């Protein structure tokens, strides 16, 4: 991996600039067999066989979300059919993930992604007159206007760029011999990271009496120690389906995905790639590593348990846990009705 290139700090662009809709569906083959075929049943816990490794019919999903929107999503007022291409990509990744063997897991990942990535983007729509007819100019061209449309289900950069957070300021990243790395923070705190992603404080270069602590005050100015330190500036604000934040989490994320500790440190915006963003979400939620802080799917979904509210602990404590529960239940119903193996 080359570390000689200099990557300047990039101000997060609007999500539409960072990750435009791809031209078509994913090419990963969907799984088509199930060891225990499931049968249709009532939408209640205990009457469904949640173990499932079959594919999902996206046309059915699209029809439900376009023409039969579940009450939870209708009440949420944020679903927009323009997000269907992004959902199709995410479903392709779920189908190709042979470690996702439970319909509830897929439902909770969809609900979490829906909630964490919801934002608005400017789109052009036809302008209509008072009678509802599409307006055209003298040459017959359709006149358009710009509206803000809800968009979700795609990896995004944290809205607001982490303003007010202690990870808001850039840090300097320097690759060291032997595959290790050095991080220097805005306030002069310096750290080293080994190849396993384990980090330790070196000290504060600005003030030797201060003990190094991860993070910098959001309104802090760069110290001379930071300015003079070697390395390239990087921003480690939130990115992905589930927002990856803090430089130490970017370091461990590379190790978790088997890409090596420097992978996301060297180029943080790789966390916006759907493949990496999805794999990180899946691995952490299934095993409890990384952002999940020891919490995992099996803690909440075993037997007939559907602990969607408690499952929020995998990502962000209890924040909006009940809202996400209702959305997860809606996606569970959609997935159930969209199974290819009945």
Protein backbone atom coordinates (compact mmCIF):
# COMPACT_ATOMS: atom_id res chain seq x y z
CA UNK A 1 0.00 0.00 0.00
CA UNK A 2 1.45 3.33 -1.02
CA UNK A 3 1.56 6.11 1.54
CA UNK A 4 3.57 8.69 -0.38
CA UNK A 5 0.63 10.50 -1.91
CA UNK A 6 -0.64 13.58 -0.12
CA UNK A 7 -4.40 13.72 0.34
CA UNK A 8 -5.64 17.14 1.47
CA UNK A 9 -8.44 17.49 3.94
CA UNK A 10 -11.66 17.32 1.98
CA UNK A 11 -14.67 19.29 3.10
CA UNK A 12 -17.62 16.86 2.99
CA UNK A 13 -19.67 17.51 -0.09
CA UNK A 14 -23.38 17.11 -0.42
CA UNK A 15 -24.28 13.40 -0.34
CA UNK A 16 -25.36 13.48 -3.97
CA UNK A 17 -21.84 14.54 -4.97
CA UNK A 18 -20.16 11.91 -2.83
CA UNK A 19 -22.13 8.87 -3.86
CA UNK A 20 -24.33 9.32 -6.93
CA UNK A 21 -26.89 6.60 -7.75
CA UNK A 22 -25.23 3.78 -9.69
CA UNK A 23 -26.49 2.90 -13.16
CA UNK A 24 -27.92 -0.51 -12.34
CA UNK A 25 -28.46 -3.33 -9.84
CA UNK A 26 -25.58 -5.23 -8.24
CA UNK A 27 -24.13 -8.20 -10.08
CA UNK A 28 -23.61 -10.39 -7.02
CA UNK A 29 -25.64 -13.59 -7.45
CA UNK A 30 -28.57 -14.01 -5.09
CA UNK A 31 -28.87 -17.18 -3.05
CA UNK A 32 -31.71 -19.35 -4.23
CA UNK A 33 -31.84 -22.30 -1.83
CA UNK A 34 -32.86 -22.74 1.76
CA UNK A 35 -32.18 -25.70 4.01
CA UNK A 36 -35.57 -25.31 5.67
CA UNK A 37 -38.14 -23.81 3.27
CA UNK A 38 -40.49 -21.47 5.10
CA UNK A 39 -44.23 -21.25 4.63
CA UNK A 40 -46.38 -18.11 4.66
CA UNK A 41 -47.97 -17.39 8.01
CA UNK A 42 -49.41 -14.66 10.19
CA UNK A 43 -47.18 -11.66 10.85
CA UNK A 44 -46.67 -12.42 14.52
CA UNK A 45 -43.72 -13.68 16.52
CA UNK A 46 -43.80 -17.44 16.98
CA UNK A 47 -45.56 -18.11 13.69
CA UNK A 48 -42.66 -17.38 11.42
CA UNK A 49 -39.56 -19.42 10.79
CA UNK A 50 -36.95 -16.68 10.79
CA UNK A 51 -34.02 -18.84 9.70
CA UNK A 52 -33.73 -18.02 6.01
CA UNK A 53 -30.99 -18.13 3.40
CA UNK A 54 -33.01 -17.60 0.25
CA UNK A 55 -33.12 -14.58 -2.02
CA UNK A 56 -35.70 -11.78 -2.11
CA UNK A 57 -37.77 -10.63 -5.05
CA UNK A 58 -36.98 -6.96 -5.48
CA UNK A 59 -39.95 -6.34 -7.76
CA UNK A 60 -42.22 -7.37 -4.90
CA UNK A 61 -40.35 -5.14 -2.48
CA UNK A 62 -40.61 -2.22 -4.89
CA UNK A 63 -44.35 -2.74 -5.35
CA UNK A 64 -44.94 -2.78 -1.59
CA UNK A 65 -42.86 0.36 -1.02
CA UNK A 66 -44.45 2.18 -3.95
CA UNK A 67 -48.09 1.11 -3.81
CA UNK A 68 -48.67 -0.43 -0.37
CA UNK A 69 -46.43 1.54 1.97
CA UNK A 70 -46.49 0.06 5.50
CA UNK A 71 -48.05 2.21 8.21
CA UNK A 72 -44.74 2.71 10.05
CA UNK A 73 -43.05 4.17 6.98
CA UNK A 74 -46.13 6.19 6.06
CA UNK A 75 -46.19 7.70 9.55
CA UNK A 76 -42.46 8.42 9.37
CA UNK A 77 -43.03 10.68 6.31
CA UNK A 78 -39.44 10.18 5.08
CA UNK A 79 -39.63 7.32 2.61
CA UNK A 80 -39.34 8.37 -1.04
CA UNK A 81 -39.42 5.95 -3.98
CA UNK A 82 -36.33 7.70 -5.35
CA UNK A 83 -34.37 5.66 -2.79
CA UNK A 84 -35.31 2.35 -4.43
CA UNK A 85 -32.06 2.12 -6.48
CA UNK A 86 -30.06 2.50 -3.27
CA UNK A 87 -32.18 -0.15 -1.55
CA UNK A 88 -31.61 -2.50 -4.48
CA UNK A 89 -27.85 -2.25 -4.01
CA UNK A 90 -28.18 -2.92 -0.28
CA UNK A 91 -30.44 -5.92 -0.89
CA UNK A 92 -27.90 -7.32 -3.35
CA UNK A 93 -25.24 -7.12 -0.64
CA UNK A 94 -27.52 -8.79 1.92
CA UNK A 95 -28.41 -11.59 -0.48
CA UNK A 96 -24.74 -12.22 -1.28
CA UNK A 97 -23.82 -12.34 2.42
CA UNK A 98 -23.99 -16.04 3.29
CA UNK A 99 -23.46 -15.20 6.99
CA UNK A 100 -26.84 -13.48 7.18
CA UNK A 101 -29.08 -16.45 7.95
CA UNK A 102 -31.98 -14.79 9.77
CA UNK A 103 -34.70 -12.62 8.28
CA UNK A 104 -34.76 -10.47 11.43
CA UNK A 105 -31.08 -9.60 10.97
CA UNK A 106 -31.74 -8.34 7.47
CA UNK A 107 -34.76 -6.37 8.70
CA UNK A 108 -32.78 -4.68 11.44
CA UNK A 109 -29.93 -3.75 9.11
CA UNK A 110 -32.45 -2.22 6.70
CA UNK A 111 -34.12 -0.25 9.49
CA UNK A 112 -30.81 0.97 10.90
CA UNK A 113 -29.58 2.03 7.46
CA UNK A 114 -32.90 3.74 6.73
CA UNK A 115 -32.64 5.76 9.94
CA UNK A 116 -28.92 6.55 9.91
CA UNK A 117 -28.69 7.64 6.27
CA UNK A 118 -31.91 9.62 5.89
CA UNK A 119 -31.30 13.11 4.47
CA UNK A 120 -32.57 15.41 1.73
CA UNK A 121 -31.08 16.01 -1.69
CA UNK A 122 -32.03 18.54 -4.41
CA UNK A 123 -33.82 16.99 -7.39
CA UNK A 124 -35.36 18.43 -10.52
CA UNK A 125 -39.08 17.79 -11.11
CA UNK A 126 -41.45 19.04 -13.82
CA UNK A 127 -43.19 22.31 -13.05
CA UNK A 128 -46.98 22.17 -13.31
CA UNK A 129 -49.62 24.83 -13.83
CA UNK A 130 -52.68 25.35 -11.62
CA UNK A 131 -54.54 22.62 -13.50
CA UNK A 132 -51.79 20.10 -12.91
CA UNK A 133 -50.45 20.07 -16.46
CA UNK A 134 -46.70 19.91 -17.04
CA UNK A 135 -45.39 23.29 -18.21
CA UNK A 136 -43.13 23.69 -21.24
CA UNK A 137 -41.23 26.58 -22.77
CA UNK A 138 -41.69 27.97 -26.31
CA UNK A 139 -39.48 25.20 -27.72
CA UNK A 140 -41.48 22.47 -26.04
CA UNK A 141 -38.90 21.73 -23.37
CA UNK A 142 -40.25 20.73 -19.97
CA UNK A 143 -39.80 23.44 -17.36
CA UNK A 144 -38.41 22.06 -14.11
CA UNK A 145 -38.09 23.24 -10.55
CA UNK A 146 -35.84 22.13 -7.69
CA UNK A 147 -37.25 20.41 -4.63
CA UNK A 148 -35.69 18.76 -1.61
CA UNK A 149 -36.37 15.02 -1.71
CA UNK A 150 -35.85 12.56 1.12
CA UNK A 151 -33.09 10.10 0.32
CA UNK A 152 -31.96 7.08 2.30
CA UNK A 153 -30.39 3.61 2.02
CA UNK A 154 -27.02 4.77 0.72
CA UNK A 155 -23.73 5.43 2.54
CA UNK A 156 -23.36 9.11 3.43
CA UNK A 157 -20.97 11.51 5.08
CA UNK A 158 -22.16 12.68 8.49
CA UNK A 159 -24.52 15.61 8.11
CA UNK A 160 -22.92 18.71 9.60
CA UNK A 161 -19.46 17.18 9.39
CA UNK A 162 -19.40 16.25 13.07
CA UNK A 163 -19.67 19.86 14.22
CA UNK A 164 -19.58 20.08 18.00
CA UNK A 165 -18.02 16.63 18.36
CA UNK A 166 -14.50 15.97 19.63
CA UNK A 167 -13.66 14.16 16.40
CA UNK A 168 -14.68 17.18 14.30
CA UNK A 169 -11.15 18.52 13.77
CA UNK A 170 -8.70 16.92 11.33
CA UNK A 171 -5.71 14.92 12.52
CA UNK A 172 -2.37 14.17 10.89
CA UNK A 173 -1.80 10.59 9.81
CA UNK A 174 1.75 9.31 9.23
CA UNK A 175 2.65 5.79 8.11
CA UNK A 176 5.55 4.39 10.15
CA UNK A 177 7.99 1.57 9.37
CA UNK A 178 6.75 -1.93 10.05
CA UNK A 179 3.15 -1.16 9.15
CA UNK A 180 2.48 1.02 12.18
CA UNK A 181 1.02 4.53 12.11
CA UNK A 182 1.18 7.80 13.99
CA UNK A 183 -1.70 10.16 14.71
CA UNK A 184 -1.22 13.78 15.81
CA UNK A 185 -4.31 15.66 16.95
CA UNK A 186 -5.10 19.36 16.68
CA UNK A 187 -4.20 20.02 20.32
CA UNK A 188 -0.80 18.32 20.05
CA UNK A 189 -1.76 14.94 21.48
CA UNK A 190 0.08 12.17 19.68
CA UNK A 191 -0.58 8.43 19.42
CA UNK A 192 0.90 5.34 17.76
CA UNK A 193 -1.14 2.46 16.33
CA UNK A 194 0.19 -1.06 15.76
CA UNK A 195 -0.86 -3.41 12.96
CA UNK A 196 -3.63 -4.93 15.10
CA UNK A 197 -5.29 -1.53 15.48
CA UNK A 198 -4.25 -1.18 19.12
CA UNK A 199 -3.21 2.37 19.97
CA UNK A 200 -1.31 4.05 22.76
CA UNK A 201 -0.67 7.65 23.73
CA UNK A 202 2.78 9.12 23.18
CA UNK A 203 2.05 12.39 24.96
CA UNK A 204 1.21 16.00 24.20
CA UNK A 205 3.81 17.66 22.01
CA UNK A 206 2.54 21.14 22.85
CA UNK A 207 2.62 20.75 26.61
CA UNK A 208 4.68 17.94 28.14
CA UNK A 209 2.72 18.26 31.40
CA UNK A 210 -0.54 17.27 29.71
CA UNK A 211 -1.58 13.66 29.38
CA UNK A 212 -2.72 12.81 25.87
CA UNK A 213 -6.46 12.20 25.50
CA UNK A 214 -8.30 11.17 22.35
CA UNK A 215 -10.28 14.00 20.76
CA UNK A 216 -10.01 17.75 20.52
CA UNK A 217 -12.38 20.51 21.55
CA UNK A 218 -14.62 21.28 18.58
CA UNK A 219 -13.69 24.97 18.62
CA UNK A 220 -9.96 24.44 19.19
CA UNK A 221 -7.35 26.09 16.98
CA UNK A 222 -4.45 24.11 15.60
CA UNK A 223 -1.40 24.12 17.88
CA UNK A 224 2.11 24.72 16.61
CA UNK A 225 2.93 21.12 17.52
CA UNK A 226 0.18 19.97 15.16
CA UNK A 227 1.27 22.28 12.37
CA UNK A 228 4.87 21.11 12.66
CA UNK A 229 4.05 17.39 12.93
CA UNK A 230 4.68 15.08 10.00
CA UNK A 231 1.89 13.37 8.11
CA UNK A 232 -1.11 14.13 5.95
CA UNK A 233 -4.35 15.64 7.20
CA UNK A 234 -7.39 13.41 7.42
CA UNK A 235 -10.96 13.93 8.64
CA UNK A 236 -12.43 11.04 10.60
CA UNK A 237 -16.04 12.17 10.78
CA UNK A 238 -18.99 9.83 10.25
CA UNK A 239 -19.22 7.87 7.00
CA UNK A 240 -21.09 4.80 5.83
CA UNK A 241 -24.41 3.04 6.39
CA UNK A 242 -23.76 3.06 10.13
CA UNK A 243 -21.63 6.13 10.77
CA UNK A 244 -17.97 5.23 11.35
CA UNK A 245 -16.37 7.97 13.51
CA UNK A 246 -13.07 8.67 15.38
CA UNK A 247 -9.64 7.83 13.96
CA UNK A 248 -9.18 4.82 16.27
CA UNK A 249 -12.39 3.26 14.91
CA UNK A 250 -11.21 3.81 11.35
CA UNK A 251 -8.00 1.98 12.29
CA UNK A 252 -9.81 -1.01 13.80
CA UNK A 253 -12.30 -1.11 10.90
CA UNK A 254 -9.52 -1.92 8.45
CA UNK A 255 -8.43 -4.81 10.66
CA UNK A 256 -12.01 -6.06 11.09
CA UNK A 257 -12.49 -6.25 7.33
CA UNK A 258 -9.15 -7.96 6.82
CA UNK A 259 -7.80 -4.99 4.86
CA UNK A 260 -5.14 -3.99 7.36
CA UNK A 261 -4.98 -1.20 9.90
CA UNK A 262 -3.96 1.58 7.44
CA UNK A 263 -6.78 0.89 4.97
CA UNK A 264 -9.31 3.48 6.13
CA UNK A 265 -6.72 5.72 7.81
CA UNK A 266 -4.99 6.24 4.48
CA UNK A 267 -8.25 6.96 2.64
CA UNK A 268 -11.22 7.51 4.99
CA UNK A 269 -13.69 8.02 2.15
CA UNK A 270 -13.44 4.34 1.29
CA UNK A 271 -15.97 3.97 4.12
CA UNK A 272 -18.49 5.48 1.66
CA UNK A 273 -18.16 2.51 -0.69
CA UNK A 274 -21.30 0.41 -0.33
CA UNK A 275 -19.39 -2.88 -0.22
CA UNK A 276 -17.17 -1.79 2.68
CA UNK A 277 -19.94 0.08 4.49
CA UNK A 278 -22.19 -2.98 4.34
CA UNK A 279 -19.55 -5.51 5.34
CA UNK A 280 -18.60 -3.41 8.36
CA UNK A 281 -22.24 -3.19 9.46
CA UNK A 282 -22.80 -6.92 8.98
CA UNK A 283 -19.62 -8.11 10.69
CA UNK A 284 -20.01 -5.81 13.71
CA UNK A 285 -23.69 -6.60 14.25
CA UNK A 286 -23.15 -10.34 13.86
CA UNK A 287 -20.08 -10.61 16.09
CA UNK A 288 -20.23 -7.61 18.43
CA UNK A 289 -16.83 -6.22 17.39
CA UNK A 290 -16.12 -2.61 16.47
CA UNK A 291 -18.91 -0.07 16.90
CA UNK A 292 -21.26 -2.74 18.33
CA UNK A 293 -19.32 -2.71 21.64
CA UNK A 294 -19.90 -6.38 22.39
CA UNK A 295 -23.61 -6.40 21.44
CA UNK A 296 -24.66 -8.74 18.62
CA UNK A 297 -27.68 -10.07 16.76
CA UNK A 298 -27.85 -13.29 18.79
CA UNK A 299 -28.45 -11.22 21.95
CA UNK A 300 -31.76 -9.96 20.57
CA UNK A 301 -32.92 -12.44 17.93
CA UNK A 302 -32.99 -16.07 19.02
CA UNK A 303 -35.87 -18.51 19.01
CA UNK A 304 -38.94 -16.33 18.50
CA UNK A 305 -37.45 -13.21 20.14
CA UNK A 306 -37.83 -9.97 18.21
CA UNK A 307 -36.10 -7.47 20.51
CA UNK A 308 -35.87 -4.69 17.97
CA UNK A 309 -35.97 -1.95 20.61
CA UNK A 310 -33.12 -3.41 22.66
CA UNK A 311 -31.07 -4.09 19.52
CA UNK A 312 -30.42 -0.36 19.22
CA UNK A 313 -27.65 -0.92 21.79
CA UNK A 314 -25.52 -2.24 18.90
CA UNK A 315 -25.34 1.22 17.38
CA UNK A 316 -26.37 4.10 19.59
CA UNK A 317 -27.69 3.09 23.00
CA UNK A 318 -31.42 3.81 23.15
CA UNK A 319 -31.52 6.74 20.72
CA UNK A 320 -34.80 6.55 18.74
CA UNK A 321 -34.96 2.84 19.61
CA UNK A 322 -38.77 2.66 19.43
CA UNK A 323 -38.89 4.50 16.10
CA UNK A 324 -36.37 2.08 14.60
CA UNK A 325 -38.27 -0.88 16.10
CA UNK A 326 -41.43 0.07 14.19
CA UNK A 327 -39.47 0.51 10.97
CA UNK A 328 -37.66 -2.83 11.48
CA UNK A 329 -41.00 -4.59 11.95
CA UNK A 330 -42.24 -3.05 8.71
CA UNK A 331 -39.15 -4.25 6.84
CA UNK A 332 -39.57 -7.70 8.39
CA UNK A 333 -43.04 -7.88 6.85
CA UNK A 334 -41.70 -6.67 3.49
CA UNK A 335 -38.91 -9.24 3.51
CA UNK A 336 -41.33 -12.00 4.51
CA UNK A 337 -43.64 -11.21 1.61
CA UNK A 338 -40.70 -10.92 -0.81
CA UNK A 339 -39.04 -14.28 -0.14
CA UNK A 340 -38.11 -16.26 -3.23
CA UNK A 341 -38.25 -19.55 -1.32
CA UNK A 342 -41.72 -20.08 0.19
